[in-house]
Amino acid sequence: MTTVPASLAITWTGAPDTNAGTYSPVTATVNDPNYTGQTGHMAWLNASLADKDKTLEYLNRVLQERGDGAFFLPFINVDPLYDFLRDDPRFKEILSRMNLQPA
């Protein structure tokens, strides 16, 4: 796995480089157990990687914490980044807890 400076991992987005067998900074950040970024950022990163379980886990945590990282929550209903979750009952339950109707 490629070692990535934390500042680069937080600002650059990408996907795993399957040709070279290395990982992008996004993947490195998501897999780093020492990364203590905001849960909202982690939800976004995992959604960018289409990791359904991790994205839902972090969305639930953001909803429970309701801190600074929750500013994006009202938009998950219409953000195309979360389209891969639309049919999941856990996603519908998160929307329901926020009094949002599924798009």
C-alpha atoms as a PDB file:
ATOM      1  CA  MET A   1       0.000   0.000   0.000  1.00  0.00           C
ATOM      2  CA  THR A   2       1.190   3.481  -0.814  1.00  0.00           C
ATOM      3  CA  THR A   3       1.980   5.737   2.144  1.00  0.00           C
ATOM      4  CA  VAL A   4       0.142   9.037   1.835  1.00  0.00           C
ATOM      5  CA  PRO A   5       0.603  12.200   3.916  1.00  0.00           C
ATOM      6  CA  ALA A   6      -2.569  13.003   5.861  1.00  0.00           C
ATOM      7  CA  SER A   7      -2.896  16.462   4.287  1.00  0.00           C
ATOM      8  CA  LEU A   8      -2.882  14.980   0.787  1.00  0.00           C
ATOM      9  CA  ALA A   9      -5.289  12.189   1.732  1.00  0.00           C
ATOM     10  CA  ILE A  10      -7.853  14.648   3.024  1.00  0.00           C
ATOM     11  CA  THR A  11      -7.842  16.922  -0.020  1.00  0.00           C
ATOM     12  CA  TRP A  12      -7.377  14.568  -2.952  1.00  0.00           C
ATOM     13  CA  THR A  13     -10.021  12.146  -4.194  1.00  0.00           C
ATOM     14  CA  GLY A  14      -9.581   9.162  -6.412  1.00  0.00           C
ATOM     15  CA  ALA A  15     -10.131   5.460  -6.781  1.00  0.00           C
ATOM     16  CA  PRO A  16      -7.963   2.400  -6.247  1.00  0.00           C
ATOM     17  CA  ASP A  17      -5.319   2.049  -8.923  1.00  0.00           C
ATOM     18  CA  THR A  18      -6.052  -1.515  -9.977  1.00  0.00           C
ATOM     19  CA  ASN A  19      -3.367  -1.535 -12.673  1.00  0.00           C
ATOM     20  CA  ALA A  20      -0.471  -0.836 -10.360  1.00  0.00           C
ATOM     21  CA  GLY A  21      -1.854  -2.693  -7.350  1.00  0.00           C
ATOM     22  CA  THR A  22      -1.611   0.424  -5.182  1.00  0.00           C
ATOM     23  CA  TYR A  23      -4.292   2.479  -3.507  1.00  0.00           C
ATOM     24  CA  SER A  24      -5.337   6.056  -3.875  1.00  0.00           C
ATOM     25  CA  PRO A  25      -5.108   8.521  -0.983  1.00  0.00           C
ATOM     26  CA  VAL A  26      -8.871   8.116  -0.420  1.00  0.00           C
ATOM     27  CA  THR A  27      -8.532   4.396   0.145  1.00  0.00           C
ATOM     28  CA  ALA A  28      -5.469   4.935   2.307  1.00  0.00           C
ATOM     29  CA  THR A  29      -7.410   7.393   4.480  1.00  0.00           C
ATOM     30  CA  VAL A  30     -10.446   5.141   4.839  1.00  0.00           C
ATOM     31  CA  ASN A  31      -8.284   2.166   5.801  1.00  0.00           C
ATOM     32  CA  ASP A  32      -6.079   4.094   8.231  1.00  0.00           C
ATOM     33  CA  PRO A  33      -7.127   3.112  11.776  1.00  0.00           C
ATOM     34  CA  ASN A  34      -5.362   6.199  13.149  1.00  0.00           C
ATOM     35  CA  TYR A  35      -7.353   8.645  11.011  1.00  0.00           C
ATOM     36  CA  THR A  36      -9.638  10.651  13.287  1.00  0.00           C
ATOM     37  CA  GLY A  37     -11.401  12.823  10.722  1.00  0.00           C
ATOM     38  CA  GLN A  38     -14.964  13.950  11.104  1.00  0.00           C
ATOM     39  CA  THR A  39     -17.538  11.214  10.738  1.00  0.00           C
ATOM     40  CA  GLY A  40     -19.213  13.257   7.989  1.00  0.00           C
ATOM     41  CA  HIS A  41     -15.981  13.210   6.024  1.00  0.00           C
ATOM     42  CA  MET A  42     -15.693   9.463   6.532  1.00  0.00           C
ATOM     43  CA  ALA A  43     -19.282   8.949   5.330  1.00  0.00           C
ATOM     44  CA  TRP A  44     -18.468  10.918   2.188  1.00  0.00           C
ATOM     45  CA  LEU A  45     -15.211   9.025   1.606  1.00  0.00           C
ATOM     46  CA  ASN A  46     -16.894   5.641   1.978  1.00  0.00           C
ATOM     47  CA  ALA A  47     -19.747   6.726  -0.295  1.00  0.00           C
ATOM     48  CA  SER A  48     -17.142   7.778  -2.863  1.00  0.00           C
ATOM     49  CA  LEU A  49     -15.791   4.226  -2.715  1.00  0.00           C
ATOM     50  CA  ALA A  50     -19.350   2.756  -2.849  1.00  0.00           C
ATOM     51  CA  ASP A  51     -18.828   0.903   0.443  1.00  0.00           C
ATOM     52  CA  LYS A  52     -22.446   0.448   1.478  1.00  0.00           C
ATOM     53  CA  ASP A  53     -21.953  -0.877   5.010  1.00  0.00           C
ATOM     54  CA  LYS A  54     -19.297   1.644   6.044  1.00  0.00           C
ATOM     55  CA  THR A  55     -21.221   4.549   4.495  1.00  0.00           C
ATOM     56  CA  LEU A  56     -24.367   3.609   6.413  1.00  0.00           C
ATOM     57  CA  GLU A  57     -22.357   3.142   9.601  1.00  0.00           C
ATOM     58  CA  TYR A  58     -20.887   6.641   9.326  1.00  0.00           C
ATOM     59  CA  LEU A  59     -24.201   8.224   8.279  1.00  0.00           C
ATOM     60  CA  ASN A  60     -25.766   6.808  11.443  1.00  0.00           C
ATOM     61  CA  ARG A  61     -22.885   8.139  13.536  1.00  0.00           C
ATOM     62  CA  VAL A  62     -23.172  11.601  11.953  1.00  0.00           C
ATOM     63  CA  LEU A  63     -26.900  11.630  12.634  1.00  0.00           C
ATOM     64  CA  GLN A  64     -26.344  10.662  16.273  1.00  0.00           C
ATOM     65  CA  GLU A  65     -23.537  13.183  16.854  1.00  0.00           C
ATOM     66  CA  ARG A  66     -25.234  16.081  15.017  1.00  0.00           C
ATOM     67  CA  GLY A  67     -22.024  18.067  15.119  1.00  0.00           C
ATOM     68  CA  ASP A  68     -20.295  20.225  12.539  1.00  0.00           C
ATOM     69  CA  GLY A  69     -19.957  17.250  10.193  1.00  0.00           C
ATOM     70  CA  ALA A  70     -23.729  16.897   9.851  1.00  0.00           C
ATOM     71  CA  PHE A  71     -24.218  19.900   7.566  1.00  0.00           C
ATOM     72  CA  PHE A  72     -24.590  17.649   4.494  1.00  0.00           C
ATOM     73  CA  LEU A  73     -27.217  15.282   5.938  1.00  0.00           C
ATOM     74  CA  PRO A  74     -30.322  17.027   4.526  1.00  0.00           C
ATOM     75  CA  PHE A  75     -28.851  16.605   1.043  1.00  0.00           C
ATOM     76  CA  ILE A  76     -28.163  12.854   1.090  1.00  0.00           C
ATOM     77  CA  ASN A  77     -31.739  12.428  -0.084  1.00  0.00           C
ATOM     78  CA  VAL A  78     -30.921  14.031  -3.461  1.00  0.00           C
ATOM     79  CA  ASP A  79     -27.123  13.809  -3.759  1.00  0.00           C
ATOM     80  CA  PRO A  80     -26.231  11.389  -6.590  1.00  0.00           C
ATOM     81  CA  LEU A  81     -23.247  10.195  -4.555  1.00  0.00           C
ATOM     82  CA  TYR A  82     -25.700   8.233  -2.386  1.00  0.00           C
ATOM     83  CA  ASP A  83     -27.731   6.724  -5.264  1.00  0.00           C
ATOM     84  CA  PHE A  84     -26.257   3.284  -4.594  1.00  0.00           C
ATOM     85  CA  LEU A  85     -27.989   3.325  -1.167  1.00  0.00           C
ATOM     86  CA  ARG A  86     -31.505   4.317  -2.276  1.00  0.00           C
ATOM     87  CA  ASP A  87     -32.978   0.803  -2.160  1.00  0.00           C
ATOM     88  CA  ASP A  88     -31.376  -0.155   1.156  1.00  0.00           C
ATOM     89  CA  PRO A  89     -33.864  -0.210   4.058  1.00  0.00           C
ATOM     90  CA  ARG A  90     -31.163   1.119   6.408  1.00  0.00           C
ATOM     91  CA  PHE A  91     -30.789   4.219   4.229  1.00  0.00           C
ATOM     92  CA  LYS A  92     -34.565   4.694   4.140  1.00  0.00           C
ATOM     93  CA  GLU A  93     -34.582   4.444   7.937  1.00  0.00           C
ATOM     94  CA  ILE A  94     -31.930   7.182   8.199  1.00  0.00           C
ATOM     95  CA  LEU A  95     -34.032   9.403   5.910  1.00  0.00           C
ATOM     96  CA  SER A  96     -37.104   8.665   8.021  1.00  0.00           C
ATOM     97  CA  ARG A  97     -35.285   9.664  11.218  1.00  0.00           C
ATOM     98  CA  MET A  98     -34.572  13.025   9.554  1.00  0.00           C
ATOM     99  CA  ASN A  99     -38.196  13.375   8.369  1.00  0.00           C
ATOM    100  CA  LEU A 100     -37.099  13.191   4.721  1.00  0.00           C
ATOM    101  CA  GLN A 101     -38.951  11.312   2.012  1.00  0.00           C
ATOM    102  CA  PRO A 102     -36.942   8.993  -0.252  1.00  0.00           C
ATOM    103  CA  ALA A 103     -36.182  10.691  -3.563  1.00  0.00           C
END
